[in-house]
Amino acid sequence: MAVPELLRQLSRRAWEPALARARRAAVLMDAPSAEALHWAGGAGELLAAGALAVSALSAEAAVPAGVARVVLVVSGTLRGGAATAVRGVLEQGAVRHCVLVCGDEAEGGGAAELEETLRRWMGEGGCAEVVLRGPPLLAPISAELCLLPALAALLPPLPGPGGPGPAEVGLGALPAGLRAAVRSLVGDLDSLFTVLGLREESFAVGTFSRVVAAELASYTPARNRRRTATNKASVIFVDRTLDLAGAVGHHGDNLAEKILSVLPKLPGHKTDVMVNMVELTALQTSDETCAVIAPGCLAQPNDPAAKALWESFMNLKQKEAVMEARRHLVEAASRENLPIKMSMGRVTPEQLSSYIQLFRNNLKALENHCGLLQLVLAMVQTLKHPLTSKWDNFLAFERLLLQTIGDSEMPSVLNQLLPMIKSYNERTKDDYTCEDFLVLLIYIYSVFGEIKCGKELDAAEEEVKKALVKAICDEPEPPPLLQKITGCDSSLNLTSQKATEAVDGIFWSLRDIARVRMHMKQFNSIHNPGSNTHQASYKPLLKQVVEEICNPDRPDPVDIEHMSSGLTDLLKTGFSMFMKVNRPHPGDHPLLIIFMVGGVSVSEVKMVKDLVATRKPGTQVIVLSSVLLTPHSAVELLFAPDRLQPDAHI
């Protein structure tokens, strides 16, 4: 069976323990679990299995009156915030029978010890069962992309001044929270590869990926699995921080990327968005945020037509995807005998809206094609959205920056940015907001690479900092992203000092972003300076990595490091210095798994898929990551201070 289909089945199988125990119980789950379920099958599956209610797990969550049985689903192990929430629910005293479905703890007393803890929290007479999950909770976003929502906050740490050399960083040198996240990731991947029967070779690009790959290579259960498994695969871990331009750039002519960036997020979700469904009702309102009608969304795991259209949004150019949406709508309308008037030529959002209106008063047609209508509405709302025209402005400005970067030093690039930083009262709808500037700054520093430090750079940065601090303080109400970055939830407590501290921190990180490829020999640049005949261009790091893997000459990779898992591999590596020994190469195996540590963008997934299909046909490729990034979510991951809180023991 093809690996994408296997992963889809696995994402459902992870829910079997909860489904088997849901009858006549209230089911409470944390946000990452809810996100995984949302893409794997939806909460309807729990209700169909007999659950009385499905709700969010928090310390304040109330169990419905008269319900004494609960099933608690936790995406990771029972630590930190998860432990606090579970304890809060059980200590309310209403629950007499509790089932906890959670991840396995590498070092701990296992299920029996956890059951004892749960009984203590419930009080006398409480009955507890702990089910340790097999495969991890996966969110299958598309045929080639699966996410691990439990690790959405994971990001490789940036190097400080001078930066640690690649050989200096081991698991022990990392902060406690990151150590726990690496162990959790390795455990999840091992249980996933166990179910897939994989015997993998691990490779790494970047310092943090090296730690993850080394942990997976030496993890005892993984070594035991590799002795008997038969399906060979190459797993390449890549540090997101080596190329942040790929996360904040506006390169792709891709509809899915625009939808995910422009529409508001579903509450509690990192990936899916809210689609306004008012157009399908008789409600007359121009209120964009109308909360009377439940929002639609992009995840339609149980609707084959909608799933096929979503794959088109992910994989086709925008124009082709829009035509594909029209084709699906016309077919659906014809099947329902709706009076559709076909028109040839360019497809417009207005034309698609008029087709959608036909379904409005036909309940049967609405029910049959609800998933498809949600996706087409998402597309129409995105194409009409003011931020979509801004997307093209970003793209033009990024292209201009690429030309400038080749000819200028960083201070002159920053001086060109300065007049564009405007306060709230001076801005028009086409001007960049404070958050937009953070996107551009990440792009510039990431593409630029190593910068010549000195007084000129310090002076140019100071001017930009001052302008940004003023613009942030002039916001009448700081937008959510600025609230997270400054730690201030209203303009009343956003002082100039707090804004200055936040902006200073951002510029420390930007300097680190420019330094991050310092140790690379082969992949030390993502900027193609251009020539008399070619424009300067952005050269995605992931593209360079995949081209190297698919190179028919199979040169020894310089920056794609193989992580040995035992004595045999070490001997091979040692002997290869003196004699001809075939060292493992990432292009050796029929299955290629690329894990972007710290998030991936839609256009990167499409690029990997297309490159492998043309350069190495016959190879299956899967992209795994922790989160699907948009320009603004990448800014939040980098600059919002509560990235990864260490989860303490129970």
Foldseek 3Di string as FASTA:
>chain_A
DFVLVVVLVVLVVLCVVVLQPQALAEEEEALLLQLLCLQNPHPVSSVVSHHPYYYYFALPDEGPPPRQEYEYEYQADCFFRNVNRLLSHLQVQSHQEYEYEHAFDPDDDTFVVVQVVSDVSNDPNHGYGYHHGQAGNWRSQASFEIASQVCQLFAPDFAAVVGDFLVPDELVVDPQLNNVSLVRVLSNVQSVCLVVLEQEFEWEFANVSLRSSQCNLAPVSNVVSNVPRDAYAYEYEYHCLLFCCQQLALPALFLLQLLQFFADPDPSDQGKHFFDPCLLEPDDDPDPPDPPDGTDIQNDNPQVLSSVLSVCRLAPRPQVSLVSLVVSLVVLCVVVVFPQDDDDDGDALVNLSVSSNSCRVPVVSCVNCVSSSNVSSSSSCSVPGLVNVLSVVRNVVLLVLLQVLLPDAVLVVLVVCLVLLDAPVPDDSNGDALLSVLSVLLNNLLQNAQHDDDDSNVVSLVSNLVSSLVRQLRDQFHPPLVCLQLVNRGSVPSDSVSSSVSSVVSVSVSNSSSHRLVNPDQLRHQWANADPVGRIDGRDSLLVVLCQLLPPVNDPDDSTGTRHNDDVLVVLVVCVVPDDGDHDGNNPRQEYEYEHRNEGESVSSNSSVVCCCVRPNSRHYHYYYHGHHYSSVSSSSRRRPPSGDRTRGD
